[in-house]
Amino acid sequence: MAQVQRAPDHKDSPEQDQENAKARDGEDESPESGEKADEGKDENKPSIIRRHPFWTAFILLVVIALGIAAYFVWLIYYEPYETTDDAFVDARSFSVSARVSGYLDDIPVTDNQHVAAGDVIAKISPRDYQIALDQAEAQVESARAAIANASAQIEVASASIDEARAQETSTLAALQFAKDEASRQRQLLQGGAGSLQTSQQSESNLRQAQASYAQAQASVTSSMKNKAAAEAQKNSAEASLKQAEAQKETAEQNLRYTTLSAAQPGRVVRVSGSKGQYLEAGQAVAMFVPDEIWVTANFKETQLADMRPGQPVALSIDAYPAHELRGKVVSVQPGSGTAFSLLPAENATGNYVKVTQRVPVKIEVDEWPKDVSIGPGMSVVPTVTVRPRT
């Protein structure tokens, strides 16, 4: 059988073992040495500013220019102005109400129609009020006739007084003659020259004259009382005339109230009445918006430091952004909006949290656009120039 011969193991010498170990150590240390080499290269590499000085300077100049431009934009377009989006068109709108009751005869207007001062908005049936006016006029005529009658009675009483006084004067003269005659007859009778019958006749005539004089005095008194009664009747008739004239004026006024007309130019909105409808006094027929409108802007109280009446205002309406309006500040309300609300804040009770208040500012517009419809409640953005540029 063949024998397998094994190759003899060669043992490395100590020098070769040391060389092999160094070689292996060198292989293990090679990554670290590479990193250190890269770091050395990075340290020696110049910065981006040194590598791109032109672009760095250009970018720096652009940033400075943008900062300056932003400052001027703020200085020109923001710093001199105060603006708010809490602003609305305002007006003193009111309801058109019936002042007398009755049935509607006609409503010649429609919703959103513009009317001039004096134009008719609604008509109430005037028949009942015309009848009341006719009755009042008849009472006036009756009172005037009573005054004329009393005046005539006063004239008659005055004439009766004059007649009674004349009669009194006549009877006084007759009484004086009767007194003198009776005195003479008594003297003659006592002297024996006269007769008893004649003396008695003169005494009888004296008593008749006295009675006639008393009757004349009573006639004067009666005539004077008749005149006083006629004057009192006249005064009563004059009072009745004034009362009748007042009733006539009331009837005329009620008759005028049957026609509801516009007191000023404006627009009729929300017409609620219709022909044939019965209206009570005070019932609304429509709403009325006058042509006189303005803008109420509720600025924060921190925006009012430099705001004064007369400052110019630029406005834009949300509904019509293409229309640029100009106006001016008219007044600043002396108090916040909550101070005049139905339930004002009670800051003295409970926990207090400070909230920036808003103050209404009234702004008048120089000229409202004619081609669009603008009314109360529409949103507006006003910009007030509070620090004019010089």
Protein backbone atom coordinates (compact mmCIF):
# COMPACT_ATOMS: atom_id res chain seq x y z
CA MET A 1 0.00 0.00 0.00
CA ALA A 2 1.14 3.44 -0.75
CA GLN A 3 2.01 5.63 2.13
CA VAL A 4 0.83 9.27 2.23
CA GLN A 5 3.55 11.55 3.10
CA ARG A 6 2.62 14.73 5.04
CA ALA A 7 4.41 17.90 4.24
CA PRO A 8 6.46 19.07 7.11
CA ASP A 9 5.11 22.11 9.06
CA HIS A 10 7.25 25.14 8.59
CA LYS A 11 7.47 27.32 11.60
CA ASP A 12 7.90 31.07 11.03
CA SER A 13 10.83 32.72 12.49
CA PRO A 14 10.35 35.36 15.25
CA GLU A 15 11.24 38.14 12.82
CA GLN A 16 8.56 37.14 10.40
CA ASP A 17 5.97 36.93 13.19
CA GLN A 18 6.70 40.49 14.23
CA GLU A 19 6.38 41.72 10.65
CA ASN A 20 3.05 39.94 10.22
CA ALA A 21 1.69 41.45 13.47
CA LYS A 22 2.68 44.93 12.36
CA ALA A 23 1.00 44.37 9.06
CA ARG A 24 -2.21 43.32 10.80
CA ASP A 25 -2.02 46.29 13.19
CA GLY A 26 -1.59 48.57 10.21
CA GLU A 27 -4.69 47.16 8.58
CA ASP A 28 -6.68 47.68 11.78
CA GLU A 29 -5.58 51.30 12.17
CA SER A 30 -6.14 52.34 8.56
CA PRO A 31 -9.83 53.67 8.95
CA GLU A 32 -8.91 55.88 11.86
CA SER A 33 -5.98 57.27 10.07
CA GLY A 34 -8.27 57.98 7.03
CA GLU A 35 -10.71 59.94 9.14
CA LYS A 36 -7.93 61.98 10.62
CA ALA A 37 -6.68 62.69 7.18
CA ASP A 38 -10.15 63.87 6.08
CA GLU A 39 -10.43 66.10 9.11
CA GLY A 40 -7.16 67.64 8.29
CA LYS A 41 -8.30 68.29 4.78
CA ASP A 42 -11.58 69.93 6.05
CA GLU A 43 -9.64 72.19 8.36
CA ASN A 44 -7.50 73.31 5.54
CA LYS A 45 -10.58 73.90 3.23
CA PRO A 46 -11.64 77.69 3.00
CA SER A 47 -15.16 78.85 4.25
CA ILE A 48 -18.09 79.47 1.92
CA ILE A 49 -17.77 83.26 2.39
CA ARG A 50 -14.16 83.10 1.19
CA ARG A 51 -15.05 80.73 -1.58
CA HIS A 52 -18.05 82.90 -2.78
CA PRO A 53 -17.38 86.48 -1.65
CA PHE A 54 -19.40 88.08 -4.47
CA TRP A 55 -22.58 86.13 -3.87
CA THR A 56 -22.26 86.57 -0.13
CA ALA A 57 -22.02 90.35 -0.52
CA PHE A 58 -24.94 90.33 -2.98
CA ILE A 59 -27.20 88.37 -0.65
CA LEU A 60 -26.26 90.65 2.23
CA LEU A 61 -27.11 93.74 0.19
CA VAL A 62 -30.45 92.20 -0.84
CA VAL A 63 -31.36 91.50 2.80
CA ILE A 64 -30.45 95.07 3.79
CA ALA A 65 -32.45 96.46 0.87
CA LEU A 66 -35.47 94.36 1.80
CA GLY A 67 -35.24 95.56 5.39
CA ILE A 68 -35.07 99.20 4.28
CA ALA A 69 -37.97 98.67 1.86
CA ALA A 70 -40.05 97.03 4.59
CA TYR A 71 -39.34 99.95 6.90
CA PHE A 72 -40.45 102.49 4.31
CA VAL A 73 -43.55 100.44 3.49
CA TRP A 74 -44.45 100.42 7.18
CA LEU A 75 -43.62 104.12 7.51
CA ILE A 76 -45.70 105.13 4.48
CA TYR A 77 -48.58 102.69 4.45
CA TYR A 78 -49.08 101.64 8.08
CA GLU A 79 -47.51 103.96 10.62
CA PRO A 80 -49.59 107.14 9.79
CA TYR A 81 -52.92 105.29 9.70
CA GLU A 82 -55.44 103.62 11.96
CA THR A 83 -57.87 101.13 10.48
CA THR A 84 -60.53 98.66 11.65
CA ASP A 85 -62.90 96.16 10.12
CA ASP A 86 -65.49 96.79 12.86
CA ALA A 87 -67.28 99.55 10.94
CA PHE A 88 -70.74 99.76 9.40
CA VAL A 89 -72.99 102.12 7.48
CA ASP A 90 -75.37 103.79 9.91
CA ALA A 91 -78.56 105.88 9.69
CA ARG A 92 -81.48 107.00 11.84
CA SER A 93 -83.98 104.52 10.45
CA PHE A 94 -87.52 104.54 11.79
CA SER A 95 -90.89 102.92 11.20
CA VAL A 96 -93.70 104.62 9.30
CA SER A 97 -96.75 104.16 11.54
CA ALA A 98 -100.41 105.09 11.26
CA ARG A 99 -101.47 107.94 13.54
CA VAL A 100 -105.17 107.14 13.19
CA SER A 101 -107.01 103.86 12.80
CA GLY A 102 -108.81 102.80 9.66
CA TYR A 103 -108.69 100.70 6.51
CA LEU A 104 -105.90 101.15 3.99
CA ASP A 105 -107.17 102.56 0.72
CA ASP A 106 -103.88 102.51 -1.17
CA ILE A 107 -100.10 102.00 -0.82
CA PRO A 108 -98.50 103.66 -3.87
CA VAL A 109 -94.93 102.61 -2.96
CA THR A 110 -93.09 99.30 -3.00
CA ASP A 111 -90.09 97.82 -1.23
CA ASN A 112 -86.76 99.64 -1.56
CA GLN A 113 -88.33 102.52 -3.48
CA HIS A 114 -86.78 105.97 -3.16
CA VAL A 115 -89.19 108.77 -2.31
CA ALA A 116 -88.85 112.52 -2.03
CA ALA A 117 -90.09 114.69 0.80
CA GLY A 118 -93.89 114.91 0.64
CA ASP A 119 -94.43 111.77 -1.45
CA VAL A 120 -97.37 109.62 -0.34
CA ILE A 121 -96.49 106.29 1.29
CA ALA A 122 -99.97 105.07 2.29
CA LYS A 123 -103.57 106.31 2.41
CA ILE A 124 -106.22 105.42 5.01
CA SER A 125 -109.92 105.69 4.22
CA PRO A 126 -110.87 109.32 5.11
CA ARG A 127 -114.68 108.96 5.14
CA ASP A 128 -115.18 108.69 8.91
CA TYR A 129 -112.79 111.55 9.57
CA GLN A 130 -114.45 113.74 6.93
CA ILE A 131 -117.80 113.22 8.71
CA ALA A 132 -116.21 114.17 12.02
CA LEU A 133 -114.82 117.32 10.41
CA ASP A 134 -118.25 118.27 9.04
CA GLN A 135 -119.78 117.85 12.50
CA ALA A 136 -117.05 119.99 14.04
CA GLU A 137 -117.64 122.72 11.45
CA ALA A 138 -121.37 122.65 12.24
CA GLN A 139 -120.63 123.07 15.93
CA VAL A 140 -118.43 126.04 15.13
CA GLU A 141 -121.24 127.67 13.17
CA SER A 142 -123.70 126.97 15.98
CA ALA A 143 -121.37 128.56 18.53
CA ARG A 144 -120.93 131.61 16.33
CA ALA A 145 -124.73 131.93 16.02
CA ALA A 146 -125.07 131.71 19.81
CA ILE A 147 -122.53 134.51 20.15
CA ALA A 148 -124.44 136.65 17.70
CA ASN A 149 -127.69 135.99 19.59
CA ALA A 150 -126.08 136.88 22.89
CA SER A 151 -124.68 140.07 21.40
CA ALA A 152 -128.16 141.04 20.21
CA GLN A 153 -129.59 140.37 23.66
CA ILE A 154 -126.90 142.56 25.16
CA GLU A 155 -127.90 145.37 22.81
CA VAL A 156 -131.58 144.91 23.72
CA ALA A 157 -130.72 144.92 27.41
CA SER A 158 -128.69 148.10 26.96
CA ALA A 159 -131.64 149.76 25.25
CA SER A 160 -133.94 148.62 28.04
CA ILE A 161 -131.57 150.09 30.59
CA ASP A 162 -131.60 153.41 28.80
CA GLU A 163 -135.39 153.35 28.60
CA ALA A 164 -135.72 152.41 32.29
CA ARG A 165 -133.36 155.16 33.31
CA ALA A 166 -135.37 157.68 31.29
CA GLN A 167 -138.53 156.43 32.94
CA GLU A 168 -136.79 156.70 36.31
CA THR A 169 -135.91 160.29 35.60
CA SER A 170 -139.48 161.07 34.55
CA THR A 171 -141.01 159.47 37.62
CA LEU A 172 -138.49 161.24 39.82
CA ALA A 173 -139.64 164.57 38.44
CA ALA A 174 -143.28 163.60 38.96
CA LEU A 175 -142.46 162.50 42.47
CA GLN A 176 -140.83 165.83 43.23
CA PHE A 177 -143.86 167.70 41.89
CA ALA A 178 -146.20 165.52 43.95
CA LYS A 179 -144.15 166.20 47.05
CA ASP A 180 -144.29 169.96 46.48
CA GLU A 181 -148.02 169.89 45.72
CA ALA A 182 -148.81 167.86 48.81
CA SER A 183 -146.76 170.24 50.93
CA ARG A 184 -148.63 173.29 49.57
CA GLN A 185 -152.04 171.71 50.08
CA ARG A 186 -151.15 170.87 53.68
CA GLN A 187 -150.10 174.45 54.30
CA LEU A 188 -153.27 175.80 52.68
CA LEU A 189 -155.42 173.41 54.71
CA GLN A 190 -153.74 174.49 57.90
CA GLY A 191 -154.27 178.19 56.96
CA GLY A 192 -157.94 177.58 56.19
CA ALA A 193 -157.52 178.49 52.51
CA GLY A 194 -157.60 175.00 51.15
CA SER A 195 -160.00 172.12 51.19
CA LEU A 196 -159.55 168.75 52.76
CA GLN A 197 -160.40 166.95 49.53
CA THR A 198 -157.70 168.76 47.59
CA SER A 199 -155.15 167.97 50.30
CA GLN A 200 -156.08 164.30 50.25
CA GLN A 201 -155.85 164.23 46.45
CA SER A 202 -152.34 165.66 46.56
CA GLU A 203 -151.30 163.06 49.13
CA SER A 204 -152.67 160.33 46.89
CA ASN A 205 -150.78 161.73 43.92
CA LEU A 206 -147.58 161.76 46.01
CA ARG A 207 -147.93 158.10 46.87
CA GLN A 208 -148.59 157.23 43.21
CA ALA A 209 -145.49 159.16 42.18
CA GLN A 210 -143.42 157.32 44.77
CA ALA A 211 -144.68 153.97 43.50
CA SER A 212 -143.95 154.96 39.91
CA TYR A 213 -140.43 156.01 40.85
CA ALA A 214 -139.80 152.70 42.65
CA GLN A 215 -141.11 150.84 39.62
CA ALA A 216 -138.78 152.78 37.36
CA GLN A 217 -135.82 151.95 39.60
CA ALA A 218 -136.79 148.28 39.51
CA SER A 219 -136.96 148.43 35.72
CA VAL A 220 -133.43 149.82 35.59
CA THR A 221 -132.16 147.04 37.85
CA SER A 222 -133.98 144.38 35.83
CA SER A 223 -132.57 145.72 32.56
CA MET A 224 -129.05 145.74 33.99
CA LYS A 225 -129.46 142.15 35.15
CA ASN A 226 -130.78 141.16 31.73
CA LYS A 227 -127.67 142.71 30.18
CA ALA A 228 -125.40 140.84 32.57
CA ALA A 229 -127.19 137.60 31.72
CA ALA A 230 -126.78 138.30 28.01
CA GLU A 231 -123.08 139.00 28.51
CA ALA A 232 -122.68 135.74 30.45
CA GLN A 233 -124.49 133.94 27.66
CA LYS A 234 -122.12 135.51 25.16
CA ASN A 235 -119.10 134.41 27.18
CA SER A 236 -120.48 130.88 27.28
CA ALA A 237 -121.05 130.97 23.53
CA GLU A 238 -117.48 132.18 22.98
CA ALA A 239 -116.16 129.32 25.10
CA SER A 240 -118.30 126.91 23.11
CA LEU A 241 -116.86 128.43 19.94
CA LYS A 242 -113.31 127.82 21.11
CA GLN A 243 -114.19 124.26 22.00
CA ALA A 244 -115.85 123.75 18.63
CA GLU A 245 -112.84 125.24 16.84
CA ALA A 246 -110.52 122.91 18.78
CA GLN A 247 -112.68 119.95 17.78
CA LYS A 248 -112.60 121.15 14.20
CA GLU A 249 -108.82 121.44 14.28
CA THR A 250 -108.58 117.94 15.71
CA ALA A 251 -110.86 116.64 12.99
CA GLU A 252 -108.82 118.40 10.31
CA GLN A 253 -105.62 116.97 11.77
CA ASN A 254 -107.05 113.45 11.89
CA LEU A 255 -108.15 113.86 8.29
CA ARG A 256 -104.61 114.86 7.32
CA TYR A 257 -103.26 111.87 9.24
CA THR A 258 -105.11 109.55 6.88
CA THR A 259 -102.37 110.31 4.34
CA LEU A 260 -98.94 108.99 5.37
CA SER A 261 -96.25 110.94 3.53
CA ALA A 262 -92.45 111.11 3.67
CA ALA A 263 -91.09 113.88 5.85
CA GLN A 264 -87.65 113.70 4.17
CA PRO A 265 -86.06 112.01 1.17
CA GLY A 266 -85.12 108.38 1.64
CA ARG A 267 -86.00 104.77 0.85
CA VAL A 268 -89.06 102.79 1.90
CA VAL A 269 -88.16 99.26 2.97
CA ARG A 270 -90.01 96.29 4.44
CA VAL A 271 -93.50 97.40 3.39
CA SER A 272 -95.88 95.37 5.57
CA GLY A 273 -99.25 96.99 4.87
CA SER A 274 -101.61 96.03 2.05
CA LYS A 275 -104.76 97.51 0.56
CA GLY A 276 -107.87 96.75 2.61
CA GLN A 277 -105.92 96.00 5.78
CA TYR A 278 -107.23 97.52 9.02
CA LEU A 279 -104.64 99.53 10.93
CA GLU A 280 -104.65 100.52 14.55
CA ALA A 281 -103.16 103.83 15.59
CA GLY A 282 -99.43 103.30 15.99
CA GLN A 283 -99.23 100.21 13.79
CA ALA A 284 -96.23 100.20 11.42
CA VAL A 285 -96.77 100.15 7.66
CA ALA A 286 -93.12 100.19 6.52
CA MET A 287 -89.58 101.09 7.52
CA PHE A 288 -87.94 104.29 6.31
CA VAL A 289 -84.21 104.85 5.72
CA PRO A 290 -83.29 108.54 5.19
CA ASP A 291 -80.76 109.57 2.56
CA GLU A 292 -78.57 110.99 5.31
CA ILE A 293 -76.25 108.10 6.18
CA TRP A 294 -72.76 107.89 7.65
CA VAL A 295 -70.22 105.35 8.88
CA THR A 296 -69.84 104.30 12.52
CA ALA A 297 -66.38 102.80 13.09
CA ASN A 298 -65.68 101.06 16.38
CA PHE A 299 -61.97 101.66 16.95
CA LYS A 300 -60.03 100.20 19.85
CA GLU A 301 -59.36 102.73 22.57
CA THR A 302 -55.64 102.27 21.97
CA GLN A 303 -56.11 103.62 18.43
CA LEU A 304 -57.58 106.98 19.50
CA ALA A 305 -54.43 108.69 20.79
CA ASP A 306 -53.95 110.80 17.64
CA MET A 307 -57.48 110.65 16.20
CA ARG A 308 -59.20 114.03 15.90
CA PRO A 309 -62.30 115.42 14.12
CA GLY A 310 -61.58 116.63 10.60
CA GLN A 311 -58.92 114.02 9.77
CA PRO A 312 -59.25 112.47 6.28
CA VAL A 313 -60.54 108.94 5.90
CA ALA A 314 -60.28 106.46 3.04
CA LEU A 315 -63.07 103.87 2.98
CA SER A 316 -63.87 100.69 1.12
CA ILE A 317 -67.20 98.88 1.19
CA ASP A 318 -67.10 95.11 1.37
CA ALA A 319 -70.05 94.82 -0.99
CA TYR A 320 -68.50 97.15 -3.58
CA PRO A 321 -64.71 96.95 -3.30
CA ALA A 322 -64.25 98.77 -6.61
CA HIS A 323 -65.69 101.98 -5.14
CA GLU A 324 -63.10 103.94 -3.18
CA LEU A 325 -64.68 106.54 -0.93
CA ARG A 326 -63.30 109.57 0.86
CA GLY A 327 -64.56 111.19 4.02
CA LYS A 328 -63.58 112.75 7.31
CA VAL A 329 -63.88 112.12 11.02
CA VAL A 330 -66.83 114.06 12.46
CA SER A 331 -66.76 113.12 16.13
CA VAL A 332 -65.56 110.57 18.66
CA GLN A 333 -68.13 109.29 21.15
CA PRO A 334 -67.29 110.35 24.72
CA GLY A 335 -67.39 106.83 26.08
CA SER A 336 -67.11 103.22 25.01
CA GLY A 337 -69.92 101.38 23.31
CA THR A 338 -70.62 99.22 26.35
CA ALA A 339 -71.12 102.29 28.54
CA PHE A 340 -74.27 103.19 26.57
CA SER A 341 -75.58 99.67 26.05
CA LEU A 342 -78.81 98.36 27.54
CA LEU A 343 -76.88 96.39 30.16
CA PRO A 344 -73.58 98.22 30.82
CA ALA A 345 -70.69 96.36 32.37
CA GLU A 346 -70.42 96.38 36.18
CA ASN A 347 -66.67 96.28 36.72
CA ALA A 348 -66.99 96.78 40.47
CA THR A 349 -68.51 93.35 40.97
CA GLY A 350 -66.90 89.92 40.59
CA ASN A 351 -63.50 89.18 39.15
CA TYR A 352 -62.21 91.88 36.82
CA VAL A 353 -60.54 91.03 33.52
CA LYS A 354 -59.25 93.99 31.57
CA VAL A 355 -60.55 94.05 28.00
CA THR A 356 -59.65 96.63 25.39
CA GLN A 357 -62.80 98.65 24.81
CA ARG A 358 -64.08 99.91 21.48
CA VAL A 359 -65.25 103.49 20.98
CA PRO A 360 -67.65 104.49 18.14
CA VAL A 361 -66.29 107.13 15.76
CA LYS A 362 -68.66 108.94 13.36
CA ILE A 363 -67.35 109.35 9.81
CA GLU A 364 -69.02 111.37 7.07
CA VAL A 365 -68.52 110.38 3.44
CA ASP A 366 -67.91 113.18 0.94
CA GLU A 367 -70.04 111.58 -1.78
CA TRP A 368 -71.79 108.23 -1.82
CA PRO A 369 -71.87 106.34 -5.14
CA LYS A 370 -75.10 106.78 -7.06
CA ASP A 371 -75.02 103.57 -9.08
CA VAL A 372 -75.25 101.16 -6.13
CA SER A 373 -77.58 100.72 -3.17
CA ILE A 374 -75.98 101.43 0.20
CA GLY A 375 -77.82 101.18 3.50
CA PRO A 376 -77.43 100.66 7.24
CA GLY A 377 -75.55 97.60 8.43
CA MET A 378 -73.24 97.20 5.42
CA SER A 379 -69.62 96.52 6.36
CA VAL A 380 -66.99 99.18 5.71
CA VAL A 381 -63.23 99.29 6.26
CA PRO A 382 -62.13 102.85 7.10
CA THR A 383 -58.49 103.99 7.21
CA VAL A 384 -57.94 107.25 9.09
CA THR A 385 -54.83 109.34 8.50
CA VAL A 386 -54.01 110.24 12.09
CA ARG A 387 -50.37 111.28 11.53
CA PRO A 388 -50.12 113.08 8.18
CA ARG A 389 -46.78 112.77 6.41
CA THR A 390 -44.80 115.99 5.98
